[in-house]
């Protein structure tokens, strides 16, 4: 069985591993069809000092596939059915899990593809409760973007920031995987979308997705441009995932009482904020990590209705190293898909 394995920092190999045994009771066996890359894959590829894991480790945090076999007691799935998988080993028993707040599991056993062996392998066994069916009219390539890219945005914009129709939202890095999704989801409910890009070559692409205003942050201060666009009023919501480089400018871009939701820190995890500004302007700041299984199902429903992910490139398993380096360069527009 082929499996994309990290053997050392920045050293990925396609290893030949033994196939998994038949699925146990309550498990399904999935044949992986496509893996979608994310910045968490880049972090794992680089090597992160704070991560407790043992190498070698199979990578891949987001994927789709088909049911190969089912274990005893499995009733929700049958062989050949299209599925995606939840990316964290939740316990299923704690209060958060019982309430459907999967990403707040009190006993999570790790993130798949980051702390424990991931999805970038031909076959894998996983608990039935961590598997979500894919609608018949959704291609597996697109479905691979639901467990992280689409569901993260769904959770950020609607569960946390409570984005409403007609509001104005600033989406950072509009050409990124989650940035492209955020533009589409916000426009779908009639919001005005301001977005940032780091290269003029991405301007036309984000406009096609629905962005009303585009700011090249390498040429202009995005917070100044945002204030101009909104006639000094500011935006209702900032969709933040860049981190230290943009965080304070994002706060300055908000209207009084505005909401900032953040899920990432690709430019650095540490910043300082002006506390007087925070309470005087009555900002609301939401940290958002991952998503729930309900968010994944909601994302798949949006795909079934025609909202499809933007695909930058598709690469074979052997070319993942080059694809991760492309992500590091920030030249990606949309998602990179690895095909098996």
Protein backbone atom coordinates (compact mmCIF):
# COMPACT_ATOMS: atom_id res chain seq x y z
CA UNK A 1 0.00 0.00 0.00
CA UNK A 2 1.41 3.39 -1.01
CA UNK A 3 1.53 6.04 1.70
CA UNK A 4 3.03 9.53 1.67
CA UNK A 5 5.31 9.53 4.69
CA UNK A 6 7.32 12.25 6.41
CA UNK A 7 10.58 10.67 7.55
CA UNK A 8 12.35 13.89 8.61
CA UNK A 9 11.77 17.64 8.33
CA UNK A 10 11.16 18.47 4.65
CA UNK A 11 11.76 14.86 3.65
CA UNK A 12 8.68 13.15 2.21
CA UNK A 13 8.79 9.69 0.64
CA UNK A 14 6.19 7.42 -0.89
CA UNK A 15 6.54 4.38 1.33
CA UNK A 16 5.20 0.88 0.80
CA UNK A 17 3.26 0.02 3.95
CA UNK A 18 1.21 -3.07 4.85
CA UNK A 19 -2.49 -2.59 4.13
CA UNK A 20 -4.80 -2.26 7.12
CA UNK A 21 -6.63 -5.32 8.48
CA UNK A 22 -10.36 -5.72 7.83
CA UNK A 23 -12.32 -3.00 9.66
CA UNK A 24 -13.25 -3.80 13.24
CA UNK A 25 -16.74 -3.48 14.67
CA UNK A 26 -17.95 0.09 14.28
CA UNK A 27 -15.25 0.89 11.71
CA UNK A 28 -15.20 1.41 7.96
CA UNK A 29 -12.32 1.01 5.57
CA UNK A 30 -11.89 3.88 3.12
CA UNK A 31 -10.05 3.85 -0.18
CA UNK A 32 -8.59 7.35 -0.46
CA UNK A 33 -9.24 9.14 -3.75
CA UNK A 34 -7.97 12.69 -3.17
CA UNK A 35 -6.08 14.63 -0.51
CA UNK A 36 -6.38 18.42 -0.27
CA UNK A 37 -3.36 20.33 1.03
CA UNK A 38 -3.53 22.95 3.78
CA UNK A 39 -1.12 25.14 5.72
CA UNK A 40 -1.19 22.59 8.51
CA UNK A 41 0.53 20.25 6.04
CA UNK A 42 3.18 22.90 5.41
CA UNK A 43 3.75 23.31 9.15
CA UNK A 44 4.10 19.57 9.59
CA UNK A 45 6.42 19.36 6.59
CA UNK A 46 8.70 22.04 8.01
CA UNK A 47 8.77 20.44 11.44
CA UNK A 48 7.21 22.06 14.47
CA UNK A 49 9.08 21.93 17.76
CA UNK A 50 5.90 22.00 19.88
CA UNK A 51 4.28 19.00 18.19
CA UNK A 52 4.56 15.69 20.02
CA UNK A 53 4.74 13.03 17.36
CA UNK A 54 6.97 10.24 16.18
CA UNK A 55 8.48 10.01 12.72
CA UNK A 56 7.93 8.52 10.26
CA UNK A 57 4.31 9.65 10.03
CA UNK A 58 1.80 9.42 7.19
CA UNK A 59 0.71 12.96 6.24
CA UNK A 60 -2.55 14.38 4.90
CA UNK A 61 -5.16 16.17 7.00
CA UNK A 62 -8.07 16.48 4.54
CA UNK A 63 -9.30 13.85 2.09
CA UNK A 64 -12.14 12.09 0.35
CA UNK A 65 -12.64 8.51 -0.74
CA UNK A 66 -15.02 5.59 -1.08
CA UNK A 67 -16.06 2.92 1.35
CA UNK A 68 -14.06 -0.24 0.68
CA UNK A 69 -15.48 -2.41 3.46
CA UNK A 70 -17.52 -2.09 6.66
CA UNK A 71 -17.14 -3.71 10.06
CA UNK A 72 -19.77 -5.36 12.19
CA UNK A 73 -22.53 -3.05 13.37
CA UNK A 74 -21.98 -0.38 10.70
CA UNK A 75 -25.34 0.72 9.34
CA UNK A 76 -24.79 4.15 7.79
CA UNK A 77 -22.44 3.17 4.97
CA UNK A 78 -22.01 0.54 2.30
CA UNK A 79 -19.12 -0.35 -0.06
CA UNK A 80 -18.70 2.07 -2.94
CA UNK A 81 -20.27 5.03 -1.13
CA UNK A 82 -18.48 8.40 -1.40
CA UNK A 83 -17.33 9.86 1.90
CA UNK A 84 -15.11 12.37 3.66
CA UNK A 85 -13.60 11.96 7.11
CA UNK A 86 -13.36 14.14 10.19
CA UNK A 87 -9.76 15.16 10.85
CA UNK A 88 -9.52 14.78 14.63
CA UNK A 89 -9.68 11.71 16.84
CA UNK A 90 -12.47 12.91 19.10
CA UNK A 91 -13.69 10.76 21.97
CA UNK A 92 -17.38 10.84 21.09
CA UNK A 93 -18.34 10.73 24.76
CA UNK A 94 -17.55 14.07 26.42
CA UNK A 95 -20.12 16.84 26.81
CA UNK A 96 -18.78 18.77 23.80
CA UNK A 97 -18.93 15.71 21.54
CA UNK A 98 -22.43 14.82 22.72
CA UNK A 99 -23.55 18.37 21.92
CA UNK A 100 -22.06 18.26 18.41
CA UNK A 101 -19.21 20.63 19.26
CA UNK A 102 -16.63 18.16 17.94
CA UNK A 103 -13.80 20.68 17.69
CA UNK A 104 -14.05 21.27 21.46
CA UNK A 105 -13.65 17.59 22.39
CA UNK A 106 -12.20 17.33 25.90
CA UNK A 107 -10.25 14.14 25.16
CA UNK A 108 -9.10 14.56 21.56
CA UNK A 109 -6.47 12.02 20.58
CA UNK A 110 -4.73 14.20 18.00
CA UNK A 111 -5.13 15.64 14.53
CA UNK A 112 -4.96 13.12 11.73
CA UNK A 113 -1.97 13.78 9.49
CA UNK A 114 -0.29 15.98 12.08
CA UNK A 115 -0.08 14.11 15.38
CA UNK A 116 -1.06 10.66 14.12
CA UNK A 117 -0.94 8.92 10.73
CA UNK A 118 -2.92 10.82 8.13
CA UNK A 119 -5.07 10.31 5.05
CA UNK A 120 -2.38 10.22 2.35
CA UNK A 121 -2.47 6.45 1.94
CA UNK A 122 -4.41 4.14 -0.29
CA UNK A 123 -6.47 2.49 2.45
CA UNK A 124 -7.30 3.35 6.05
CA UNK A 125 -9.68 2.24 8.78
CA UNK A 126 -11.62 4.82 10.76
CA UNK A 127 -14.56 4.87 13.17
CA UNK A 128 -17.92 5.10 11.41
CA UNK A 129 -18.93 8.07 13.59
CA UNK A 130 -16.08 10.16 12.08
CA UNK A 131 -17.26 9.67 8.50
CA UNK A 132 -19.63 11.95 6.56
CA UNK A 133 -21.45 10.92 3.36
CA UNK A 134 -20.83 12.89 0.17
CA UNK A 135 -23.83 13.85 -2.01
CA UNK A 136 -24.05 11.92 -5.27
CA UNK A 137 -23.51 15.00 -7.46
CA UNK A 138 -20.31 16.14 -5.69
CA UNK A 139 -17.03 15.00 -7.25
CA UNK A 140 -14.50 13.44 -4.90
CA UNK A 141 -11.92 16.03 -5.93
CA UNK A 142 -14.20 18.81 -4.70
CA UNK A 143 -15.38 16.86 -1.67
CA UNK A 144 -11.77 16.59 -0.47
CA UNK A 145 -11.95 20.33 0.29
CA UNK A 146 -14.94 20.02 2.65
CA UNK A 147 -13.38 18.68 5.88
CA UNK A 148 -11.06 21.69 6.40
CA UNK A 149 -11.27 24.43 3.77
CA UNK A 150 -15.04 24.73 3.43
CA UNK A 151 -16.04 23.72 6.95
CA UNK A 152 -13.48 26.02 8.61
CA UNK A 153 -15.01 28.98 6.78
CA UNK A 154 -18.54 27.82 7.53
CA UNK A 155 -17.69 27.67 11.25
CA UNK A 156 -15.82 31.00 11.24
CA UNK A 157 -18.34 33.10 9.35
CA UNK A 158 -21.62 31.70 10.57
CA UNK A 159 -21.14 29.91 13.91
CA UNK A 160 -18.68 32.44 15.33
CA UNK A 161 -18.86 35.79 13.52
CA UNK A 162 -22.62 35.41 12.82
CA UNK A 163 -22.23 37.06 9.42
CA UNK A 164 -25.54 38.51 8.22
CA UNK A 165 -26.85 39.32 4.73
CA UNK A 166 -25.91 42.82 3.61
CA UNK A 167 -22.94 43.21 5.94
CA UNK A 168 -19.44 44.18 4.82
CA UNK A 169 -16.61 41.72 5.38
CA UNK A 170 -12.85 42.02 4.91
CA UNK A 171 -11.38 38.70 3.76
CA UNK A 172 -7.62 38.41 4.07
CA UNK A 173 -5.60 36.48 1.48
CA UNK A 174 -8.51 36.12 -0.89
CA UNK A 175 -6.56 33.84 -3.20
CA UNK A 176 -5.84 31.25 -0.52
CA UNK A 177 -7.81 28.05 -0.08
CA UNK A 178 -10.02 29.38 2.72
CA UNK A 179 -9.95 32.92 1.35
CA UNK A 180 -11.58 31.85 -1.91
CA UNK A 181 -14.24 29.97 0.03
CA UNK A 182 -14.90 32.93 2.35
CA UNK A 183 -15.50 35.23 -0.63
CA UNK A 184 -17.99 32.79 -2.16
CA UNK A 185 -19.86 32.13 1.09
CA UNK A 186 -20.12 35.81 1.96
CA UNK A 187 -21.31 36.80 -1.52
CA UNK A 188 -23.86 33.99 -1.52
CA UNK A 189 -25.78 35.79 1.24
CA UNK A 190 -25.44 39.25 -0.31
CA UNK A 191 -22.50 40.69 1.62
CA UNK A 192 -20.10 43.34 0.34
CA UNK A 193 -16.66 41.71 0.18
CA UNK A 194 -13.34 43.52 0.46
CA UNK A 195 -10.36 41.24 0.04
CA UNK A 196 -6.58 41.43 0.09
CA UNK A 197 -4.11 39.77 -2.25
CA UNK A 198 -0.33 39.80 -2.42
CA UNK A 199 -0.02 39.80 -6.19
CA UNK A 200 -1.86 41.69 -8.94
CA UNK A 201 -2.17 38.42 -10.87
CA UNK A 202 -4.80 37.30 -8.33
CA UNK A 203 -7.03 40.36 -8.65
CA UNK A 204 -9.08 39.16 -11.58
CA UNK A 205 -9.55 35.74 -9.99
CA UNK A 206 -10.98 37.05 -6.73
CA UNK A 207 -13.24 39.46 -8.62
CA UNK A 208 -14.66 36.53 -10.56
CA UNK A 209 -15.47 34.87 -7.24
CA UNK A 210 -17.45 37.94 -6.23
CA UNK A 211 -15.05 40.29 -4.43
CA UNK A 212 -16.32 43.86 -4.70
CA UNK A 213 -13.03 45.55 -3.76
CA UNK A 214 -9.48 44.15 -3.97
CA UNK A 215 -6.42 45.55 -2.17
CA UNK A 216 -2.86 44.51 -2.97
CA UNK A 217 -1.41 44.60 0.52
CA UNK A 218 2.13 44.72 -0.85
CA UNK A 219 1.35 48.08 -2.48
CA UNK A 220 -1.16 49.69 -0.13
CA UNK A 221 -1.96 49.62 3.58
CA UNK A 222 -5.07 47.49 3.61
CA UNK A 223 -6.48 49.16 6.73
CA UNK A 224 -6.24 52.61 5.13
CA UNK A 225 -7.84 51.39 1.92
CA UNK A 226 -10.59 49.63 3.85
CA UNK A 227 -11.44 52.82 5.74
CA UNK A 228 -11.60 54.70 2.42
CA UNK A 229 -13.85 52.09 0.83
CA UNK A 230 -16.23 52.14 3.80
CA UNK A 231 -16.14 55.94 4.09
CA UNK A 232 -14.32 55.69 7.43
CA UNK A 233 -17.05 53.50 8.88
CA UNK A 234 -15.16 50.21 8.87
CA UNK A 235 -16.33 46.67 8.16
CA UNK A 236 -18.73 44.53 10.16
CA UNK A 237 -16.52 41.42 10.08
CA UNK A 238 -12.84 40.68 9.44
CA UNK A 239 -11.98 37.17 8.29
CA UNK A 240 -8.45 36.87 9.69
CA UNK A 241 -6.05 33.98 9.20
CA UNK A 242 -2.72 35.63 8.43
CA UNK A 243 -1.61 36.46 11.97
CA UNK A 244 0.94 38.94 13.29
CA UNK A 245 1.42 40.86 10.03
CA UNK A 246 -2.25 41.81 9.72
CA UNK A 247 -3.90 41.51 13.12
CA UNK A 248 -3.71 45.10 14.32
CA UNK A 249 -4.53 46.46 10.89
CA UNK A 250 -7.54 44.17 10.96
CA UNK A 251 -8.73 45.72 14.21
CA UNK A 252 -8.34 49.18 12.69
CA UNK A 253 -10.48 48.03 9.76
CA UNK A 254 -13.46 47.22 11.99
CA UNK A 255 -16.43 49.46 12.67
CA UNK A 256 -17.42 50.10 16.29
CA UNK A 257 -18.78 46.86 17.67
CA UNK A 258 -17.32 44.92 14.74
CA UNK A 259 -16.32 41.26 14.89
CA UNK A 260 -12.97 39.71 14.06
CA UNK A 261 -12.73 35.94 13.63
CA UNK A 262 -9.34 34.28 13.31
CA UNK A 263 -8.21 30.73 12.59
CA UNK A 264 -4.56 31.12 11.62
CA UNK A 265 -1.19 32.68 12.18
CA UNK A 266 0.86 31.90 9.09
CA UNK A 267 2.85 35.14 9.44
CA UNK A 268 3.57 34.59 13.13
CA UNK A 269 1.68 33.63 16.29
CA UNK A 270 2.44 36.62 18.53
CA UNK A 271 1.17 40.18 18.49
CA UNK A 272 0.24 43.02 20.85
CA UNK A 273 -3.05 44.88 20.92
CA UNK A 274 -4.20 48.21 22.26
CA UNK A 275 -6.59 47.31 25.07
CA UNK A 276 -8.13 50.79 25.18
CA UNK A 277 -8.95 50.48 21.50
CA UNK A 278 -10.41 47.03 22.14
CA UNK A 279 -12.88 48.06 24.82
CA UNK A 280 -13.62 51.59 23.60
CA UNK A 281 -14.50 50.33 20.13
CA UNK A 282 -16.30 47.33 21.65
CA UNK A 283 -14.69 44.85 19.28
CA UNK A 284 -15.58 41.20 19.46
CA UNK A 285 -12.71 38.78 18.76
CA UNK A 286 -13.38 35.11 18.10
CA UNK A 287 -10.79 32.37 17.97
CA UNK A 288 -11.90 29.59 15.65
CA UNK A 289 -10.23 26.22 15.25
CA UNK A 290 -11.37 23.54 12.86
CA UNK A 291 -15.06 22.83 12.54
CA UNK A 292 -17.77 20.40 13.53
CA UNK A 293 -19.02 17.43 11.58
CA UNK A 294 -22.22 19.39 11.06
CA UNK A 295 -20.16 22.14 9.40
CA UNK A 296 -18.70 19.55 7.02
CA UNK A 297 -22.16 18.30 6.09
CA UNK A 298 -23.31 21.91 5.57
CA UNK A 299 -20.28 22.49 3.33
CA UNK A 300 -21.04 19.43 1.24
CA UNK A 301 -24.62 20.66 0.84
CA UNK A 302 -23.28 23.96 -0.51
CA UNK A 303 -21.10 22.07 -2.97
CA UNK A 304 -24.10 20.02 -4.06
CA UNK A 305 -25.96 23.30 -4.69
CA UNK A 306 -23.15 24.51 -6.98
CA UNK A 307 -20.61 26.28 -4.75
CA UNK A 308 -17.43 24.50 -5.81
CA UNK A 309 -13.88 24.97 -4.51
CA UNK A 310 -11.27 26.78 -6.59
CA UNK A 311 -8.60 24.27 -7.59
CA UNK A 312 -5.12 25.66 -8.17
CA UNK A 313 -3.46 22.44 -9.30
CA UNK A 314 -3.80 18.68 -9.12
CA UNK A 315 -0.64 16.66 -8.56
CA UNK A 316 0.20 12.97 -8.33
CA UNK A 317 1.37 11.52 -5.04
CA UNK A 318 5.04 11.69 -6.01
CA UNK A 319 4.92 15.49 -6.53
CA UNK A 320 3.64 16.53 -3.09
CA UNK A 321 7.00 17.99 -2.02
CA UNK A 322 6.91 20.45 -4.90
CA UNK A 323 3.27 21.26 -4.15
CA UNK A 324 4.08 22.09 -0.51
CA UNK A 325 6.90 24.36 -1.62
CA UNK A 326 4.41 26.08 -3.94
CA UNK A 327 2.16 26.68 -0.95
CA UNK A 328 5.06 28.13 1.01
CA UNK A 329 5.71 30.61 -1.80
CA UNK A 330 2.10 31.91 -1.48
CA UNK A 331 1.65 31.69 -5.23
CA UNK A 332 -1.31 29.36 -4.88
CA UNK A 333 -4.79 30.45 -5.96
CA UNK A 334 -7.27 28.10 -4.32
CA UNK A 335 -6.53 24.53 -3.33
CA UNK A 336 -3.90 21.97 -4.31
CA UNK A 337 -5.25 18.45 -4.70
CA UNK A 338 -3.19 15.26 -4.50
CA UNK A 339 -4.67 12.41 -6.51
CA UNK A 340 -4.18 8.74 -5.79
